[in-house]
Amino acid sequence: MGVEQVADSSGMMKELTAYIATKVVKGKSEISEDTPLVSSGLIDSFALIEIFLELQKIAGVKVPASKVQAKDMDTVRLMFATAEKFGKPVKR
């Protein structure tokens, strides 16, 4: 899948949303693609790193961490927009 298609894939967004709901917040809160995660305090910086790594895996891209700020990772939708903007395809 090309980087330009990353943000348009609702299936990948649903996969990351489910990952966050089950593995990170462990069902304590309802999560959607537009749920504020960082600004609401729902996730901390350690969880953000875990989610960032999972985002890259699901999207099949490598995103330079130096290009990403917490505000770029506040919602799943923003995460995929960031992956589309800065991500480079992973050679498999």
PDB file of N, CA and C in Angstrom:
ATOM      1  N   MET A   1       0.849  -1.176   0.000  1.00  0.00           N
ATOM      2  CA  MET A   1       0.000   0.000   0.000  1.00  0.00           C
ATOM      3  C   MET A   1       0.888   1.230   0.000  1.00  0.00           C
ATOM      4  N   GLY A   2       0.547   2.202  -0.809  1.00  0.00           N
ATOM      5  CA  GLY A   2       1.335   3.423  -0.897  1.00  0.00           C
ATOM      6  C   GLY A   2       1.052   4.340   0.273  1.00  0.00           C
ATOM      7  N   VAL A   3       2.004   5.186   0.561  1.00  0.00           N
ATOM      8  CA  VAL A   3       1.859   6.125   1.669  1.00  0.00           C
ATOM      9  C   VAL A   3       0.646   7.024   1.455  1.00  0.00           C
ATOM     10  N   GLU A   4       0.384   7.414   0.194  1.00  0.00           N
ATOM     11  CA  GLU A   4      -0.728   8.305  -0.080  1.00  0.00           C
ATOM     12  C   GLU A   4      -2.074   7.688   0.262  1.00  0.00           C
ATOM     13  N   GLN A   5      -2.128   6.379   0.413  1.00  0.00           N
ATOM     14  CA  GLN A   5      -3.377   5.694   0.733  1.00  0.00           C
ATOM     15  C   GLN A   5      -3.564   5.465   2.226  1.00  0.00           C
ATOM     16  N   VAL A   6      -2.559   5.753   3.018  1.00  0.00           N
ATOM     17  CA  VAL A   6      -2.605   5.451   4.440  1.00  0.00           C
ATOM     18  C   VAL A   6      -3.794   6.110   5.128  1.00  0.00           C
ATOM     19  N   ALA A   7      -3.960   7.408   4.950  1.00  0.00           N
ATOM     20  CA  ALA A   7      -4.999   8.139   5.682  1.00  0.00           C
ATOM     21  C   ALA A   7      -6.403   7.770   5.229  1.00  0.00           C
ATOM     22  N   ASP A   8      -6.534   7.182   4.055  1.00  0.00           N
ATOM     23  CA  ASP A   8      -7.851   6.846   3.533  1.00  0.00           C
ATOM     24  C   ASP A   8      -8.331   5.470   3.960  1.00  0.00           C
ATOM     25  N   SER A   9      -7.529   4.732   4.657  1.00  0.00           N
ATOM     26  CA  SER A   9      -7.893   3.363   4.977  1.00  0.00           C
ATOM     27  C   SER A   9      -8.607   3.269   6.319  1.00  0.00           C
ATOM     28  N   SER A  10      -9.921   3.200   6.258  1.00  0.00           N
ATOM     29  CA  SER A  10     -10.688   3.111   7.501  1.00  0.00           C
ATOM     30  C   SER A  10     -10.442   1.777   8.205  1.00  0.00           C
ATOM     31  N   GLY A  11     -10.114   0.741   7.462  1.00  0.00           N
ATOM     32  CA  GLY A  11      -9.814  -0.559   8.075  1.00  0.00           C
ATOM     33  C   GLY A  11      -8.597  -0.482   8.985  1.00  0.00           C
ATOM     34  N   MET A  12      -7.572   0.223   8.533  1.00  0.00           N
ATOM     35  CA  MET A  12      -6.369   0.380   9.348  1.00  0.00           C
ATOM     36  C   MET A  12      -6.661   1.256  10.562  1.00  0.00           C
ATOM     37  N   MET A  13      -7.490   2.276  10.384  1.00  0.00           N
ATOM     38  CA  MET A  13      -7.858   3.127  11.522  1.00  0.00           C
ATOM     39  C   MET A  13      -8.628   2.314  12.558  1.00  0.00           C
ATOM     40  N   LYS A  14      -9.531   1.470  12.087  1.00  0.00           N
ATOM     41  CA  LYS A  14     -10.303   0.612  13.010  1.00  0.00           C
ATOM     42  C   LYS A  14      -9.378  -0.357  13.739  1.00  0.00           C
ATOM     43  N   GLU A  15      -8.378  -0.877  13.035  1.00  0.00           N
ATOM     44  CA  GLU A  15      -7.419  -1.800  13.657  1.00  0.00           C
ATOM     45  C   GLU A  15      -6.627  -1.104  14.764  1.00  0.00           C
ATOM     46  N   LEU A  16      -6.154   0.111  14.498  1.00  0.00           N
ATOM     47  CA  LEU A  16      -5.394   0.837  15.518  1.00  0.00           C
ATOM     48  C   LEU A  16      -6.301   1.257  16.668  1.00  0.00           C
ATOM     49  N   THR A  17      -7.517   1.667  16.359  1.00  0.00           N
ATOM     50  CA  THR A  17      -8.479   2.044  17.400  1.00  0.00           C
ATOM     51  C   THR A  17      -8.750   0.855  18.322  1.00  0.00           C
ATOM     52  N   ALA A  18      -8.951  -0.324  17.742  1.00  0.00           N
ATOM     53  CA  ALA A  18      -9.180  -1.531  18.541  1.00  0.00           C
ATOM     54  C   ALA A  18      -7.953  -1.861  19.388  1.00  0.00           C
ATOM     55  N   TYR A  19      -6.763  -1.699  18.828  1.00  0.00           N
ATOM     56  CA  TYR A  19      -5.526  -1.936  19.570  1.00  0.00           C
ATOM     57  C   TYR A  19      -5.453  -1.026  20.792  1.00  0.00           C
ATOM     58  N   ILE A  20      -5.726   0.259  20.587  1.00  0.00           N
ATOM     59  CA  ILE A  20      -5.679   1.217  21.701  1.00  0.00           C
ATOM     60  C   ILE A  20      -6.717   0.861  22.759  1.00  0.00           C
ATOM     61  N   ALA A  21      -7.916   0.532  22.318  1.00  0.00           N
ATOM     62  CA  ALA A  21      -9.004   0.212  23.251  1.00  0.00           C
ATOM     63  C   ALA A  21      -8.694  -1.016  24.092  1.00  0.00           C
ATOM     64  N   THR A  22      -8.113  -2.056  23.474  1.00  0.00           N
ATOM     65  CA  THR A  22      -7.893  -3.304  24.210  1.00  0.00           C
ATOM     66  C   THR A  22      -6.540  -3.369  24.913  1.00  0.00           C
ATOM     67  N   LYS A  23      -5.488  -2.894  24.254  1.00  0.00           N
ATOM     68  CA  LYS A  23      -4.134  -3.060  24.809  1.00  0.00           C
ATOM     69  C   LYS A  23      -3.656  -1.872  25.647  1.00  0.00           C
ATOM     70  N   VAL A  24      -4.145  -0.676  25.349  1.00  0.00           N
ATOM     71  CA  VAL A  24      -3.624   0.509  26.030  1.00  0.00           C
ATOM     72  C   VAL A  24      -4.574   0.980  27.126  1.00  0.00           C
ATOM     73  N   VAL A  25      -5.814   1.281  26.776  1.00  0.00           N
ATOM     74  CA  VAL A  25      -6.746   1.745  27.803  1.00  0.00           C
ATOM     75  C   VAL A  25      -7.542   0.589  28.407  1.00  0.00           C
ATOM     76  N   LYS A  26      -7.366  -0.588  27.839  1.00  0.00           N
ATOM     77  CA  LYS A  26      -7.935  -1.837  28.370  1.00  0.00           C
ATOM     78  C   LYS A  26      -9.429  -1.750  28.688  1.00  0.00           C
ATOM     79  N   GLY A  27     -10.182  -1.156  27.740  1.00  0.00           N
ATOM     80  CA  GLY A  27     -11.629  -1.113  27.863  1.00  0.00           C
ATOM     81  C   GLY A  27     -12.166  -0.116  28.875  1.00  0.00           C
ATOM     82  N   LYS A  28     -11.313   0.723  29.452  1.00  0.00           N
ATOM     83  CA  LYS A  28     -11.762   1.689  30.462  1.00  0.00           C
ATOM     84  C   LYS A  28     -12.525   2.853  29.852  1.00  0.00           C
ATOM     85  N   SER A  29     -12.406   3.017  28.530  1.00  0.00           N
ATOM     86  CA  SER A  29     -13.041   4.141  27.861  1.00  0.00           C
ATOM     87  C   SER A  29     -13.378   3.747  26.432  1.00  0.00           C
ATOM     88  N   GLU A  30     -14.466   4.301  25.911  1.00  0.00           N
ATOM     89  CA  GLU A  30     -14.826   4.091  24.508  1.00  0.00           C
ATOM     90  C   GLU A  30     -13.867   4.905  23.644  1.00  0.00           C
ATOM     91  N   ILE A  31     -13.365   4.287  22.591  1.00  0.00           N
ATOM     92  CA  ILE A  31     -12.412   4.948  21.710  1.00  0.00           C
ATOM     93  C   ILE A  31     -12.961   4.934  20.286  1.00  0.00           C
ATOM     94  N   SER A  32     -12.855   6.080  19.616  1.00  0.00           N
ATOM     95  CA  SER A  32     -13.180   6.146  18.189  1.00  0.00           C
ATOM     96  C   SER A  32     -11.988   6.784  17.477  1.00  0.00           C
ATOM     97  N   GLU A  33     -12.082   6.915  16.161  1.00  0.00           N
ATOM     98  CA  GLU A  33     -10.998   7.521  15.389  1.00  0.00           C
ATOM     99  C   GLU A  33     -10.763   8.983  15.776  1.00  0.00           C
ATOM    100  N   ASP A  34     -11.770   9.612  16.381  1.00  0.00           N
ATOM    101  CA  ASP A  34     -11.668  11.030  16.720  1.00  0.00           C
ATOM    102  C   ASP A  34     -11.614  11.309  18.219  1.00  0.00           C
ATOM    103  N   THR A  35     -11.435  10.283  19.030  1.00  0.00           N
ATOM    104  CA  THR A  35     -11.332  10.461  20.478  1.00  0.00           C
ATOM    105  C   THR A  35     -10.008  11.138  20.821  1.00  0.00           C
ATOM    106  N   PRO A  36     -10.043  12.267  21.545  1.00  0.00           N
ATOM    107  CA  PRO A  36      -8.782  12.892  21.981  1.00  0.00           C
ATOM    108  C   PRO A  36      -8.089  11.966  22.987  1.00  0.00           C
ATOM    109  N   LEU A  37      -6.880  11.586  22.684  1.00  0.00           N
ATOM    110  CA  LEU A  37      -6.157  10.649  23.547  1.00  0.00           C
ATOM    111  C   LEU A  37      -5.148  11.356  24.429  1.00  0.00           C
ATOM    112  N   VAL A  38      -4.346  12.218  23.840  1.00  0.00           N
ATOM    113  CA  VAL A  38      -3.285  12.911  24.579  1.00  0.00           C
ATOM    114  C   VAL A  38      -3.867  14.085  25.358  1.00  0.00           C
ATOM    115  N   SER A  39      -4.600  14.956  24.658  1.00  0.00           N
ATOM    116  CA  SER A  39      -5.103  16.180  25.290  1.00  0.00           C
ATOM    117  C   SER A  39      -6.104  15.891  26.405  1.00  0.00           C
ATOM    118  N   SER A  40      -6.758  14.740  26.359  1.00  0.00           N
ATOM    119  CA  SER A  40      -7.719  14.378  27.409  1.00  0.00           C
ATOM    120  C   SER A  40      -7.047  13.697  28.601  1.00  0.00           C
ATOM    121  N   GLY A  41      -5.771  13.323  28.436  1.00  0.00           N
ATOM    122  CA  GLY A  41      -5.075  12.607  29.493  1.00  0.00           C
ATOM    123  C   GLY A  41      -5.373  11.109  29.498  1.00  0.00           C
ATOM    124  N   LEU A  42      -6.058  10.632  28.468  1.00  0.00           N
ATOM    125  CA  LEU A  42      -6.415   9.215  28.391  1.00  0.00           C
ATOM    126  C   LEU A  42      -5.185   8.327  28.247  1.00  0.00           C
ATOM    127  N   ILE A  43      -4.180   8.820  27.534  1.00  0.00           N
ATOM    128  CA  ILE A  43      -2.930   8.070  27.411  1.00  0.00           C
ATOM    129  C   ILE A  43      -1.762   8.958  27.810  1.00  0.00           C
ATOM    130  N   ASP A  44      -0.689   8.319  28.292  1.00  0.00           N
ATOM    131  CA  ASP A  44       0.506   9.059  28.682  1.00  0.00           C
ATOM    132  C   ASP A  44       1.590   8.906  27.614  1.00  0.00           C
ATOM    133  N   SER A  45       2.726   9.502  27.850  1.00  0.00           N
ATOM    134  CA  SER A  45       3.790   9.500  26.854  1.00  0.00           C
ATOM    135  C   SER A  45       4.347   8.101  26.592  1.00  0.00           C
ATOM    136  N   PHE A  46       4.348   7.244  27.594  1.00  0.00           N
ATOM    137  CA  PHE A  46       4.825   5.873  27.380  1.00  0.00           C
ATOM    138  C   PHE A  46       3.873   5.113  26.467  1.00  0.00           C
ATOM    139  N   ALA A  47       2.579   5.274  26.688  1.00  0.00           N
ATOM    140  CA  ALA A  47       1.582   4.629  25.834  1.00  0.00           C
ATOM    141  C   ALA A  47       1.655   5.191  24.421  1.00  0.00           C
ATOM    142  N   LEU A  48       1.959   6.462  24.302  1.00  0.00           N
ATOM    143  CA  LEU A  48       2.052   7.101  22.992  1.00  0.00           C
ATOM    144  C   LEU A  48       3.152   6.473  22.146  1.00  0.00           C
ATOM    145  N   ILE A  49       4.251   6.133  22.762  1.00  0.00           N
ATOM    146  CA  ILE A  49       5.350   5.470  22.050  1.00  0.00           C
ATOM    147  C   ILE A  49       4.893   4.103  21.550  1.00  0.00           C
ATOM    148  N   GLU A  50       4.229   3.358  22.398  1.00  0.00           N
ATOM    149  CA  GLU A  50       3.707   2.045  22.025  1.00  0.00           C
ATOM    150  C   GLU A  50       2.734   2.164  20.843  1.00  0.00           C
ATOM    151  N   ILE A  51       1.856   3.159  20.897  1.00  0.00           N
ATOM    152  CA  ILE A  51       0.874   3.375  19.835  1.00  0.00           C
ATOM    153  C   ILE A  51       1.571   3.809  18.548  1.00  0.00           C
ATOM    154  N   PHE A  52       2.580   4.650  18.659  1.00  0.00           N
ATOM    155  CA  PHE A  52       3.344   5.109  17.496  1.00  0.00           C
ATOM    156  C   PHE A  52       3.977   3.929  16.767  1.00  0.00           C
ATOM    157  N   LEU A  53       4.541   3.007  17.518  1.00  0.00           N
ATOM    158  CA  LEU A  53       5.151   1.818  16.915  1.00  0.00           C
ATOM    159  C   LEU A  53       4.100   0.944  16.236  1.00  0.00           C
ATOM    160  N   GLU A  54       2.957   0.792  16.873  1.00  0.00           N
ATOM    161  CA  GLU A  54       1.870   0.004  16.292  1.00  0.00           C
ATOM    162  C   GLU A  54       1.320   0.681  15.031  1.00  0.00           C
ATOM    163  N   LEU A  55       1.207   2.001  15.047  1.00  0.00           N
ATOM    164  CA  LEU A  55       0.764   2.756  13.870  1.00  0.00           C
ATOM    165  C   LEU A  55       1.652   2.446  12.673  1.00  0.00           C
ATOM    166  N   GLN A  56       2.958   2.499  12.881  1.00  0.00           N
ATOM    167  CA  GLN A  56       3.899   2.224  11.792  1.00  0.00           C
ATOM    168  C   GLN A  56       3.733   0.805  11.267  1.00  0.00           C
ATOM    169  N   LYS A  57       3.531  -0.137  12.175  1.00  0.00           N
ATOM    170  CA  LYS A  57       3.350  -1.531  11.788  1.00  0.00           C
ATOM    171  C   LYS A  57       2.078  -1.706  10.958  1.00  0.00           C
ATOM    172  N   ILE A  58       0.982  -1.163  11.428  1.00  0.00           N
ATOM    173  CA  ILE A  58      -0.303  -1.299  10.736  1.00  0.00           C
ATOM    174  C   ILE A  58      -0.276  -0.588   9.388  1.00  0.00           C
ATOM    175  N   ALA A  59       0.291   0.624   9.358  1.00  0.00           N
ATOM    176  CA  ALA A  59       0.306   1.424   8.134  1.00  0.00           C
ATOM    177  C   ALA A  59       1.382   0.971   7.143  1.00  0.00           C
ATOM    178  N   GLY A  60       2.362   0.206   7.629  1.00  0.00           N
ATOM    179  CA  GLY A  60       3.432  -0.254   6.751  1.00  0.00           C
ATOM    180  C   GLY A  60       4.384   0.853   6.335  1.00  0.00           C
ATOM    181  N   VAL A  61       4.557   1.837   7.218  1.00  0.00           N
ATOM    182  CA  VAL A  61       5.462   2.946   6.935  1.00  0.00           C
ATOM    183  C   VAL A  61       6.384   3.181   8.122  1.00  0.00           C
ATOM    184  N   LYS A  62       7.477   3.864   7.842  1.00  0.00           N
ATOM    185  CA  LYS A  62       8.410   4.299   8.879  1.00  0.00           C
ATOM    186  C   LYS A  62       8.285   5.809   8.960  1.00  0.00           C
ATOM    187  N   VAL A  63       7.955   6.301  10.150  1.00  0.00           N
ATOM    188  CA  VAL A  63       7.777   7.739  10.356  1.00  0.00           C
ATOM    189  C   VAL A  63       8.908   8.227  11.263  1.00  0.00           C
ATOM    190  N   PRO A  64       9.693   9.213  10.815  1.00  0.00           N
ATOM    191  CA  PRO A  64      10.763   9.734  11.672  1.00  0.00           C
ATOM    192  C   PRO A  64      10.169  10.348  12.944  1.00  0.00           C
ATOM    193  N   ALA A  65      10.576   9.838  14.094  1.00  0.00           N
ATOM    194  CA  ALA A  65      10.048  10.328  15.371  1.00  0.00           C
ATOM    195  C   ALA A  65      10.300  11.825  15.542  1.00  0.00           C
ATOM    196  N   SER A  66      11.366  12.327  14.956  1.00  0.00           N
ATOM    197  CA  SER A  66      11.691  13.751  15.078  1.00  0.00           C
ATOM    198  C   SER A  66      10.659  14.651  14.396  1.00  0.00           C
ATOM    199  N   LYS A  67       9.865  14.081  13.504  1.00  0.00           N
ATOM    200  CA  LYS A  67       8.847  14.855  12.776  1.00  0.00           C
ATOM    201  C   LYS A  67       7.505  14.881  13.502  1.00  0.00           C
ATOM    202  N   VAL A  68       7.368  14.085  14.555  1.00  0.00           N
ATOM    203  CA  VAL A  68       6.072  13.901  15.207  1.00  0.00           C
ATOM    204  C   VAL A  68       6.022  14.627  16.541  1.00  0.00           C
ATOM    205  N   GLN A  69       4.931  15.348  16.767  1.00  0.00           N
ATOM    206  CA  GLN A  69       4.689  16.006  18.045  1.00  0.00           C
ATOM    207  C   GLN A  69       3.446  15.380  18.673  1.00  0.00           C
ATOM    208  N   ALA A  70       3.269  15.576  19.966  1.00  0.00           N
ATOM    209  CA  ALA A  70       2.117  14.989  20.669  1.00  0.00           C
ATOM    210  C   ALA A  70       0.801  15.412  20.024  1.00  0.00           C
ATOM    211  N   LYS A  71       0.713  16.663  19.562  1.00  0.00           N
ATOM    212  CA  LYS A  71      -0.539  17.124  18.943  1.00  0.00           C
ATOM    213  C   LYS A  71      -0.856  16.354  17.664  1.00  0.00           C
ATOM    214  N   ASP A  72       0.174  15.813  16.994  1.00  0.00           N
ATOM    215  CA  ASP A  72      -0.028  15.017  15.790  1.00  0.00           C
ATOM    216  C   ASP A  72      -0.562  13.624  16.103  1.00  0.00           C
ATOM    217  N   MET A  73      -0.532  13.269  17.369  1.00  0.00           N
ATOM    218  CA  MET A  73      -0.921  11.919  17.793  1.00  0.00           C
ATOM    219  C   MET A  73      -2.137  11.945  18.712  1.00  0.00           C
ATOM    220  N   ASP A  74      -2.881  13.052  18.724  1.00  0.00           N
ATOM    221  CA  ASP A  74      -3.993  13.188  19.668  1.00  0.00           C
ATOM    222  C   ASP A  74      -5.167  12.274  19.344  1.00  0.00           C
ATOM    223  N   THR A  75      -5.419  12.021  18.060  1.00  0.00           N
ATOM    224  CA  THR A  75      -6.495  11.102  17.668  1.00  0.00           C
ATOM    225  C   THR A  75      -5.950  10.112  16.656  1.00  0.00           C
ATOM    226  N   VAL A  76      -6.647   9.016  16.493  1.00  0.00           N
ATOM    227  CA  VAL A  76      -6.239   8.013  15.504  1.00  0.00           C
ATOM    228  C   VAL A  76      -6.241   8.636  14.109  1.00  0.00           C
ATOM    229  N   ARG A  77      -7.224   9.452  13.816  1.00  0.00           N
ATOM    230  CA  ARG A  77      -7.298  10.101  12.498  1.00  0.00           C
ATOM    231  C   ARG A  77      -6.064  10.985  12.262  1.00  0.00           C
ATOM    232  N   LEU A  78      -5.650  11.754  13.276  1.00  0.00           N
ATOM    233  CA  LEU A  78      -4.451  12.582  13.157  1.00  0.00           C
ATOM    234  C   LEU A  78      -3.196  11.718  12.996  1.00  0.00           C
ATOM    235  N   MET A  79      -3.166  10.585  13.683  1.00  0.00           N
ATOM    236  CA  MET A  79      -2.014   9.684  13.578  1.00  0.00           C
ATOM    237  C   MET A  79      -1.823   9.219  12.137  1.00  0.00           C
ATOM    238  N   PHE A  80      -2.919   8.828  11.489  1.00  0.00           N
ATOM    239  CA  PHE A  80      -2.814   8.360  10.113  1.00  0.00           C
ATOM    240  C   PHE A  80      -2.485   9.506   9.150  1.00  0.00           C
ATOM    241  N   ALA A  81      -2.971  10.707   9.432  1.00  0.00           N
ATOM    242  CA  ALA A  81      -2.608  11.866   8.607  1.00  0.00           C
ATOM    243  C   ALA A  81      -1.107  12.139   8.738  1.00  0.00           C
ATOM    244  N   THR A  82      -0.579  11.993   9.945  1.00  0.00           N
ATOM    245  CA  THR A  82       0.850  12.170  10.180  1.00  0.00           C
ATOM    246  C   THR A  82       1.651  11.095   9.455  1.00  0.00           C
ATOM    247  N   ALA A  83       1.164   9.860   9.506  1.00  0.00           N
ATOM    248  CA  ALA A  83       1.841   8.758   8.810  1.00  0.00           C
ATOM    249  C   ALA A  83       1.847   9.005   7.302  1.00  0.00           C
ATOM    250  N   GLU A  84       0.753   9.554   6.783  1.00  0.00           N
ATOM    251  CA  GLU A  84       0.688   9.851   5.354  1.00  0.00           C
ATOM    252  C   GLU A  84       1.661  10.975   4.989  1.00  0.00           C
ATOM    253  N   LYS A  85       1.744  11.980   5.833  1.00  0.00           N
ATOM    254  CA  LYS A  85       2.576  13.152   5.551  1.00  0.00           C
ATOM    255  C   LYS A  85       4.068  12.846   5.637  1.00  0.00           C
ATOM    256  N   PHE A  86       4.478  12.110   6.674  1.00  0.00           N
ATOM    257  CA  PHE A  86       5.903  11.916   6.933  1.00  0.00           C
ATOM    258  C   PHE A  86       6.410  10.497   6.692  1.00  0.00           C
ATOM    259  N   GLY A  87       5.501   9.542   6.518  1.00  0.00           N
ATOM    260  CA  GLY A  87       5.902   8.144   6.430  1.00  0.00           C
ATOM    261  C   GLY A  87       6.580   7.778   5.112  1.00  0.00           C
ATOM    262  N   LYS A  88       7.487   6.872   5.224  1.00  0.00           N
ATOM    263  CA  LYS A  88       8.153   6.287   4.044  1.00  0.00           C
ATOM    264  C   LYS A  88       7.839   4.795   4.041  1.00  0.00           C
ATOM    265  N   PRO A  89       7.540   4.237   2.871  1.00  0.00           N
ATOM    266  CA  PRO A  89       7.203   2.802   2.816  1.00  0.00           C
ATOM    267  C   PRO A  89       8.318   1.936   3.391  1.00  0.00           C
ATOM    268  N   VAL A  90       7.902   0.919   4.117  1.00  0.00           N
ATOM    269  CA  VAL A  90       8.853  -0.028   4.697  1.00  0.00           C
ATOM    270  C   VAL A  90       9.166  -1.085   3.646  1.00  0.00           C
ATOM    271  N   LYS A  91      10.432  -1.341   3.453  1.00  0.00           N
ATOM    272  CA  LYS A  91      10.826  -2.402   2.510  1.00  0.00           C
ATOM    273  C   LYS A  91      10.584  -3.743   3.175  1.00  0.00           C
ATOM    274  N   ARG A  92       9.851  -4.591   2.479  1.00  0.00           N
ATOM    275  CA  ARG A  92       9.534  -5.901   3.063  1.00  0.00           C
ATOM    276  C   ARG A  92      10.242  -7.003   2.354  1.00  0.00           C
TER     277      ARG A  92
END
